[in-house]
């Protein structure tokens, strides 16, 4: 499906991917690491895949999950902003993906106050 602006309106969502990473500015975060939770929503036109029943015409979400897990688990960074950008780039690798929305959850952020979650959501497109 396409929107009136010409972009795809079909969405593939992978929610709640849990991965261990060593991201953060504090020494214990870098040393011990923590769980991050990732949600991604990809904009793409799924009609070619539906018409051909061919996985190569869409996004293999199993491979995507593996790639996102690897991206969280390697190369520690200070900021979840940097991590979110890295994950967006992974999602935009398949040429059928026009845009992506990435939410990074850091439920175990080192805060003194009681809280449920810290999240950052970014939206990136192939044209950014």
N, C-alpha and C. Protein backbone atom coordinates (compact mmCIF):
# COMPACT_ATOMS: atom_id res chain seq x y z
N UNK A 1 0.83 -1.18 0.00
CA UNK A 1 0.00 0.00 0.00
C UNK A 1 0.88 1.24 0.00
N UNK A 2 0.42 2.27 -0.62
CA UNK A 2 1.13 3.53 -0.61
C UNK A 2 0.23 4.61 -0.09
N UNK A 3 0.83 5.58 0.58
CA UNK A 3 0.06 6.72 1.06
C UNK A 3 -0.06 7.74 -0.05
N UNK A 4 -0.83 8.78 0.20
CA UNK A 4 -0.99 9.82 -0.82
C UNK A 4 0.31 10.57 -1.07
N UNK A 5 1.24 10.51 -0.11
CA UNK A 5 2.54 11.16 -0.31
C UNK A 5 3.51 10.26 -1.07
N UNK A 6 3.09 9.05 -1.41
CA UNK A 6 3.92 8.16 -2.20
C UNK A 6 4.74 7.18 -1.38
N UNK A 7 4.76 7.31 -0.05
CA UNK A 7 5.53 6.41 0.79
C UNK A 7 4.73 5.20 1.20
N UNK A 8 5.39 4.11 1.54
CA UNK A 8 4.68 2.90 1.94
C UNK A 8 3.99 3.09 3.28
N UNK A 9 2.84 2.48 3.41
CA UNK A 9 2.12 2.53 4.68
C UNK A 9 2.05 1.16 5.35
N UNK A 10 2.55 0.14 4.70
CA UNK A 10 2.63 -1.16 5.35
C UNK A 10 3.72 -1.06 6.42
N UNK A 11 3.48 -1.75 7.53
CA UNK A 11 4.42 -1.65 8.65
C UNK A 11 4.74 -3.04 9.17
N UNK A 12 5.99 -3.27 9.40
CA UNK A 12 6.46 -4.49 10.04
C UNK A 12 7.01 -4.07 11.39
N UNK A 13 6.49 -4.68 12.44
CA UNK A 13 6.89 -4.28 13.80
C UNK A 13 7.51 -5.47 14.52
N UNK A 14 8.64 -5.22 15.14
CA UNK A 14 9.31 -6.18 16.02
C UNK A 14 9.41 -5.49 17.38
N UNK A 15 8.74 -6.02 18.37
CA UNK A 15 8.64 -5.34 19.67
C UNK A 15 9.21 -6.22 20.78
N UNK A 16 9.89 -5.55 21.71
CA UNK A 16 10.35 -6.23 22.91
C UNK A 16 11.58 -7.08 22.75
N UNK A 17 12.42 -6.80 21.75
CA UNK A 17 13.66 -7.55 21.58
C UNK A 17 14.60 -7.21 22.73
N UNK A 18 15.01 -8.21 23.47
CA UNK A 18 15.89 -8.01 24.61
C UNK A 18 17.32 -8.38 24.24
N UNK A 19 18.24 -7.48 24.60
CA UNK A 19 19.65 -7.72 24.28
C UNK A 19 20.51 -7.10 25.37
N UNK A 20 21.61 -7.72 25.64
CA UNK A 20 22.54 -7.24 26.66
C UNK A 20 23.60 -6.36 25.99
N UNK A 21 23.83 -5.19 26.58
CA UNK A 21 24.83 -4.28 26.05
C UNK A 21 25.55 -3.55 27.17
N UNK A 22 26.67 -2.94 26.84
CA UNK A 22 27.51 -2.23 27.80
C UNK A 22 27.52 -0.74 27.50
N UNK A 23 26.35 -0.17 27.28
CA UNK A 23 26.23 1.24 26.90
C UNK A 23 25.91 2.09 28.12
N UNK A 24 26.48 3.29 28.14
CA UNK A 24 26.22 4.23 29.22
C UNK A 24 27.47 5.02 29.54
N UNK A 25 27.30 6.06 30.32
CA UNK A 25 28.44 6.92 30.65
C UNK A 25 29.12 6.52 31.96
N UNK A 26 28.45 5.73 32.77
CA UNK A 26 29.01 5.36 34.07
C UNK A 26 29.83 4.07 33.97
N UNK A 27 30.90 4.01 34.77
CA UNK A 27 31.80 2.85 34.75
C UNK A 27 31.08 1.52 34.99
N UNK A 28 30.16 1.42 35.96
CA UNK A 28 29.47 0.14 36.16
C UNK A 28 28.64 -0.30 34.94
N UNK A 29 28.07 0.67 34.22
CA UNK A 29 27.30 0.33 33.01
C UNK A 29 28.23 -0.28 31.96
N UNK A 30 29.40 0.29 31.83
CA UNK A 30 30.36 -0.22 30.86
C UNK A 30 30.92 -1.57 31.28
N UNK A 31 31.18 -1.71 32.56
CA UNK A 31 31.80 -2.94 33.06
C UNK A 31 30.80 -4.10 33.08
N UNK A 32 29.62 -3.88 33.68
CA UNK A 32 28.67 -4.97 33.91
C UNK A 32 27.64 -5.12 32.79
N UNK A 33 27.35 -4.03 32.11
CA UNK A 33 26.31 -4.06 31.09
C UNK A 33 24.93 -4.15 31.71
N UNK A 34 23.92 -4.18 30.85
CA UNK A 34 22.54 -4.27 31.30
C UNK A 34 21.66 -4.65 30.12
N UNK A 35 20.42 -4.99 30.43
CA UNK A 35 19.47 -5.33 29.38
C UNK A 35 18.91 -4.07 28.75
N UNK A 36 18.86 -4.07 27.44
CA UNK A 36 18.17 -3.06 26.65
C UNK A 36 17.03 -3.76 25.93
N UNK A 37 15.94 -3.04 25.73
CA UNK A 37 14.80 -3.58 25.01
C UNK A 37 14.58 -2.68 23.80
N UNK A 38 14.38 -3.30 22.65
CA UNK A 38 14.29 -2.56 21.39
C UNK A 38 12.96 -2.87 20.71
N UNK A 39 12.29 -1.80 20.26
CA UNK A 39 11.11 -1.92 19.41
C UNK A 39 11.45 -1.23 18.09
N UNK A 40 11.13 -1.87 16.99
CA UNK A 40 11.32 -1.24 15.68
C UNK A 40 10.05 -1.40 14.87
N UNK A 41 9.74 -0.38 14.10
CA UNK A 41 8.65 -0.44 13.13
C UNK A 41 9.21 0.03 11.80
N UNK A 42 9.07 -0.81 10.77
CA UNK A 42 9.63 -0.53 9.46
C UNK A 42 8.51 -0.24 8.47
N UNK A 43 8.69 0.79 7.67
CA UNK A 43 7.74 1.11 6.61
C UNK A 43 8.21 0.53 5.30
N UNK A 44 7.36 -0.28 4.69
CA UNK A 44 7.72 -0.91 3.42
C UNK A 44 6.44 -1.29 2.68
N UNK A 45 6.60 -1.55 1.41
CA UNK A 45 5.49 -2.01 0.58
C UNK A 45 5.58 -3.54 0.54
N UNK A 46 4.61 -4.21 1.14
CA UNK A 46 4.66 -5.67 1.21
C UNK A 46 3.98 -6.37 0.04
N UNK A 47 3.41 -5.60 -0.88
CA UNK A 47 2.68 -6.22 -2.00
C UNK A 47 3.55 -7.14 -2.86
N UNK A 48 4.80 -6.76 -3.19
CA UNK A 48 5.61 -7.69 -3.98
C UNK A 48 5.84 -9.03 -3.28
N UNK A 49 6.07 -9.01 -1.99
CA UNK A 49 6.27 -10.26 -1.25
C UNK A 49 4.98 -11.08 -1.21
N UNK A 50 3.86 -10.39 -0.99
CA UNK A 50 2.57 -11.09 -0.94
C UNK A 50 2.24 -11.73 -2.29
N UNK A 51 2.55 -11.03 -3.37
CA UNK A 51 2.23 -11.54 -4.70
C UNK A 51 3.08 -12.74 -5.09
N UNK A 52 4.32 -12.78 -4.61
CA UNK A 52 5.24 -13.85 -5.01
C UNK A 52 5.45 -14.90 -3.93
N UNK A 53 5.01 -14.59 -2.69
CA UNK A 53 5.25 -15.47 -1.55
C UNK A 53 6.74 -15.76 -1.40
N UNK A 54 7.56 -14.71 -1.61
CA UNK A 54 9.01 -14.83 -1.65
C UNK A 54 9.63 -13.99 -0.54
N UNK A 55 10.31 -14.63 0.38
CA UNK A 55 10.94 -13.94 1.50
C UNK A 55 11.94 -12.88 1.06
N UNK A 56 12.59 -13.10 -0.07
CA UNK A 56 13.60 -12.14 -0.53
C UNK A 56 12.98 -10.81 -0.98
N UNK A 57 11.65 -10.76 -1.11
CA UNK A 57 10.98 -9.53 -1.53
C UNK A 57 10.52 -8.70 -0.33
N UNK A 58 10.89 -9.11 0.87
CA UNK A 58 10.48 -8.38 2.08
C UNK A 58 11.63 -8.39 3.07
N UNK A 59 11.33 -8.14 4.33
CA UNK A 59 12.34 -8.15 5.39
C UNK A 59 12.23 -9.46 6.15
N UNK A 60 13.34 -10.17 6.26
CA UNK A 60 13.41 -11.39 7.07
C UNK A 60 13.55 -10.95 8.52
N UNK A 61 12.47 -10.99 9.28
CA UNK A 61 12.52 -10.45 10.63
C UNK A 61 13.35 -11.32 11.57
N UNK A 62 13.59 -12.56 11.23
CA UNK A 62 14.50 -13.40 12.02
C UNK A 62 15.93 -12.88 11.90
N UNK A 63 16.35 -12.60 10.68
CA UNK A 63 17.68 -12.03 10.45
C UNK A 63 17.78 -10.64 11.05
N UNK A 64 16.71 -9.86 10.92
CA UNK A 64 16.70 -8.52 11.49
C UNK A 64 16.90 -8.59 13.01
N UNK A 65 16.22 -9.50 13.68
CA UNK A 65 16.37 -9.65 15.13
C UNK A 65 17.81 -10.01 15.49
N UNK A 66 18.42 -10.90 14.71
CA UNK A 66 19.82 -11.27 14.95
C UNK A 66 20.73 -10.05 14.79
N UNK A 67 20.50 -9.27 13.74
CA UNK A 67 21.35 -8.11 13.47
C UNK A 67 21.18 -7.03 14.54
N UNK A 68 19.96 -6.82 15.00
CA UNK A 68 19.73 -5.83 16.05
C UNK A 68 20.37 -6.29 17.36
N UNK A 69 20.23 -7.56 17.68
CA UNK A 69 20.85 -8.11 18.88
C UNK A 69 22.36 -7.90 18.83
N UNK A 70 22.97 -8.17 17.70
CA UNK A 70 24.42 -7.98 17.55
C UNK A 70 24.80 -6.51 17.68
N UNK A 71 23.96 -5.62 17.15
CA UNK A 71 24.25 -4.19 17.22
C UNK A 71 24.18 -3.66 18.65
N UNK A 72 23.31 -4.23 19.47
CA UNK A 72 23.25 -3.82 20.88
C UNK A 72 24.44 -4.41 21.64
N UNK A 73 24.83 -5.61 21.29
CA UNK A 73 25.84 -6.34 22.06
C UNK A 73 27.28 -5.99 21.76
N UNK A 74 27.52 -5.13 20.78
CA UNK A 74 28.90 -4.81 20.41
C UNK A 74 29.15 -3.31 20.48
N UNK A 75 30.40 -2.95 20.50
CA UNK A 75 30.86 -1.56 20.42
C UNK A 75 30.10 -0.62 21.36
N UNK A 76 30.41 -0.67 22.65
CA UNK A 76 29.72 0.19 23.62
C UNK A 76 29.80 1.67 23.26
N UNK A 77 28.70 2.37 23.53
CA UNK A 77 28.62 3.82 23.32
C UNK A 77 28.09 4.45 24.60
N UNK A 78 28.26 5.76 24.72
CA UNK A 78 27.81 6.47 25.91
C UNK A 78 26.30 6.67 25.93
N UNK A 79 25.73 7.01 24.79
CA UNK A 79 24.36 7.50 24.75
C UNK A 79 23.41 6.55 24.04
N UNK A 80 22.16 6.50 24.55
CA UNK A 80 21.15 5.71 23.84
C UNK A 80 20.80 6.37 22.51
N UNK A 81 21.06 7.66 22.36
CA UNK A 81 20.87 8.33 21.07
C UNK A 81 21.77 7.71 20.00
N UNK A 82 23.01 7.44 20.37
CA UNK A 82 23.96 6.82 19.45
C UNK A 82 23.54 5.39 19.13
N UNK A 83 23.11 4.66 20.15
CA UNK A 83 22.65 3.29 19.95
C UNK A 83 21.42 3.25 19.05
N UNK A 84 20.47 4.14 19.28
CA UNK A 84 19.25 4.18 18.46
C UNK A 84 19.59 4.46 17.00
N UNK A 85 20.52 5.36 16.75
CA UNK A 85 20.93 5.66 15.37
C UNK A 85 21.55 4.42 14.72
N UNK A 86 22.39 3.71 15.46
CA UNK A 86 23.00 2.48 14.94
C UNK A 86 21.91 1.46 14.57
N UNK A 87 20.91 1.32 15.42
CA UNK A 87 19.83 0.36 15.16
C UNK A 87 19.00 0.78 13.95
N UNK A 88 18.78 2.08 13.80
CA UNK A 88 18.05 2.57 12.63
C UNK A 88 18.80 2.23 11.35
N UNK A 89 20.11 2.38 11.37
CA UNK A 89 20.91 2.06 10.19
C UNK A 89 20.82 0.58 9.85
N UNK A 90 20.78 -0.27 10.86
CA UNK A 90 20.60 -1.71 10.62
C UNK A 90 19.26 -1.95 9.93
N UNK A 91 18.22 -1.31 10.43
CA UNK A 91 16.87 -1.51 9.87
C UNK A 91 16.74 -0.99 8.44
N UNK A 92 17.49 0.04 8.11
CA UNK A 92 17.42 0.61 6.76
C UNK A 92 18.30 -0.12 5.75
N UNK A 93 19.00 -1.15 6.18
CA UNK A 93 19.87 -1.90 5.26
C UNK A 93 19.09 -2.58 4.13
N UNK A 94 17.99 -3.28 4.41
CA UNK A 94 17.25 -3.87 3.29
C UNK A 94 16.67 -2.78 2.38
N UNK A 95 16.88 -2.86 1.09
CA UNK A 95 16.43 -1.80 0.19
C UNK A 95 14.93 -1.59 0.16
N UNK A 96 14.14 -2.55 0.61
CA UNK A 96 12.68 -2.39 0.60
C UNK A 96 12.18 -1.49 1.73
N UNK A 97 13.03 -1.19 2.71
CA UNK A 97 12.62 -0.39 3.86
C UNK A 97 12.77 1.09 3.53
N UNK A 98 11.67 1.83 3.62
CA UNK A 98 11.67 3.26 3.31
C UNK A 98 11.93 4.11 4.55
N UNK A 99 11.42 3.65 5.69
CA UNK A 99 11.60 4.40 6.94
C UNK A 99 11.56 3.44 8.12
N UNK A 100 12.05 3.91 9.24
CA UNK A 100 12.04 3.11 10.46
C UNK A 100 11.80 4.00 11.66
N UNK A 101 11.09 3.46 12.62
CA UNK A 101 10.97 4.09 13.93
C UNK A 101 11.59 3.11 14.93
N UNK A 102 12.54 3.61 15.71
CA UNK A 102 13.27 2.79 16.68
C UNK A 102 13.02 3.35 18.07
N UNK A 103 12.64 2.48 19.00
CA UNK A 103 12.56 2.86 20.40
C UNK A 103 13.53 1.99 21.18
N UNK A 104 14.42 2.64 21.91
CA UNK A 104 15.35 1.95 22.79
C UNK A 104 14.87 2.16 24.22
N UNK A 105 14.66 1.07 24.92
CA UNK A 105 14.26 1.10 26.32
C UNK A 105 15.49 0.77 27.17
N UNK A 106 15.67 1.53 28.22
CA UNK A 106 16.75 1.27 29.18
C UNK A 106 16.11 1.14 30.56
N UNK A 107 15.47 -0.01 30.82
CA UNK A 107 14.68 -0.16 32.04
C UNK A 107 15.50 -0.22 33.32
N UNK A 108 16.80 -0.42 33.20
CA UNK A 108 17.65 -0.52 34.38
C UNK A 108 18.65 0.63 34.44
N UNK A 109 18.26 1.78 33.90
CA UNK A 109 19.13 2.96 33.93
C UNK A 109 19.46 3.30 35.38
N UNK A 110 20.68 3.77 35.61
CA UNK A 110 21.10 4.04 36.99
C UNK A 110 20.54 5.37 37.52
N UNK A 111 19.28 5.35 37.93
CA UNK A 111 18.64 6.54 38.49
C UNK A 111 18.39 6.31 39.98
N UNK A 112 18.48 7.38 40.75
CA UNK A 112 18.22 7.27 42.19
C UNK A 112 16.73 7.15 42.49
N UNK A 113 15.89 7.66 41.61
CA UNK A 113 14.45 7.63 41.81
C UNK A 113 13.84 6.34 41.26
N UNK A 114 12.68 5.98 41.81
CA UNK A 114 11.95 4.83 41.28
C UNK A 114 11.34 5.22 39.92
N UNK A 115 11.42 4.31 38.95
CA UNK A 115 10.89 4.58 37.61
C UNK A 115 10.60 3.25 36.93
N UNK A 116 9.79 3.31 35.88
CA UNK A 116 9.47 2.12 35.12
C UNK A 116 10.41 1.89 33.95
N UNK A 117 10.78 2.97 33.25
CA UNK A 117 11.54 2.81 32.01
C UNK A 117 12.09 4.15 31.57
N UNK A 118 13.17 4.12 30.86
CA UNK A 118 13.69 5.28 30.12
C UNK A 118 13.67 4.86 28.66
N UNK A 119 13.07 5.68 27.80
CA UNK A 119 13.03 5.33 26.38
C UNK A 119 13.44 6.52 25.52
N UNK A 120 13.94 6.20 24.36
CA UNK A 120 14.20 7.18 23.31
C UNK A 120 13.63 6.61 22.03
N UNK A 121 12.85 7.41 21.31
CA UNK A 121 12.29 6.99 20.03
C UNK A 121 12.79 7.93 18.95
N UNK A 122 13.31 7.35 17.87
CA UNK A 122 13.74 8.14 16.72
C UNK A 122 13.05 7.64 15.46
N UNK A 123 12.92 8.51 14.48
CA UNK A 123 12.36 8.15 13.19
C UNK A 123 13.38 8.52 12.13
N UNK A 124 13.73 7.58 11.28
CA UNK A 124 14.70 7.82 10.21
C UNK A 124 14.13 7.27 8.91
N UNK A 125 14.50 7.92 7.82
CA UNK A 125 14.08 7.41 6.52
C UNK A 125 15.28 7.31 5.60
N UNK A 126 15.08 6.65 4.51
CA UNK A 126 16.13 6.47 3.52
C UNK A 126 16.58 7.83 2.97
N UNK A 127 15.72 8.85 3.09
CA UNK A 127 16.02 10.16 2.52
C UNK A 127 16.67 11.11 3.51
N UNK A 128 16.87 10.67 4.77
CA UNK A 128 17.51 11.53 5.77
C UNK A 128 18.97 11.75 5.45
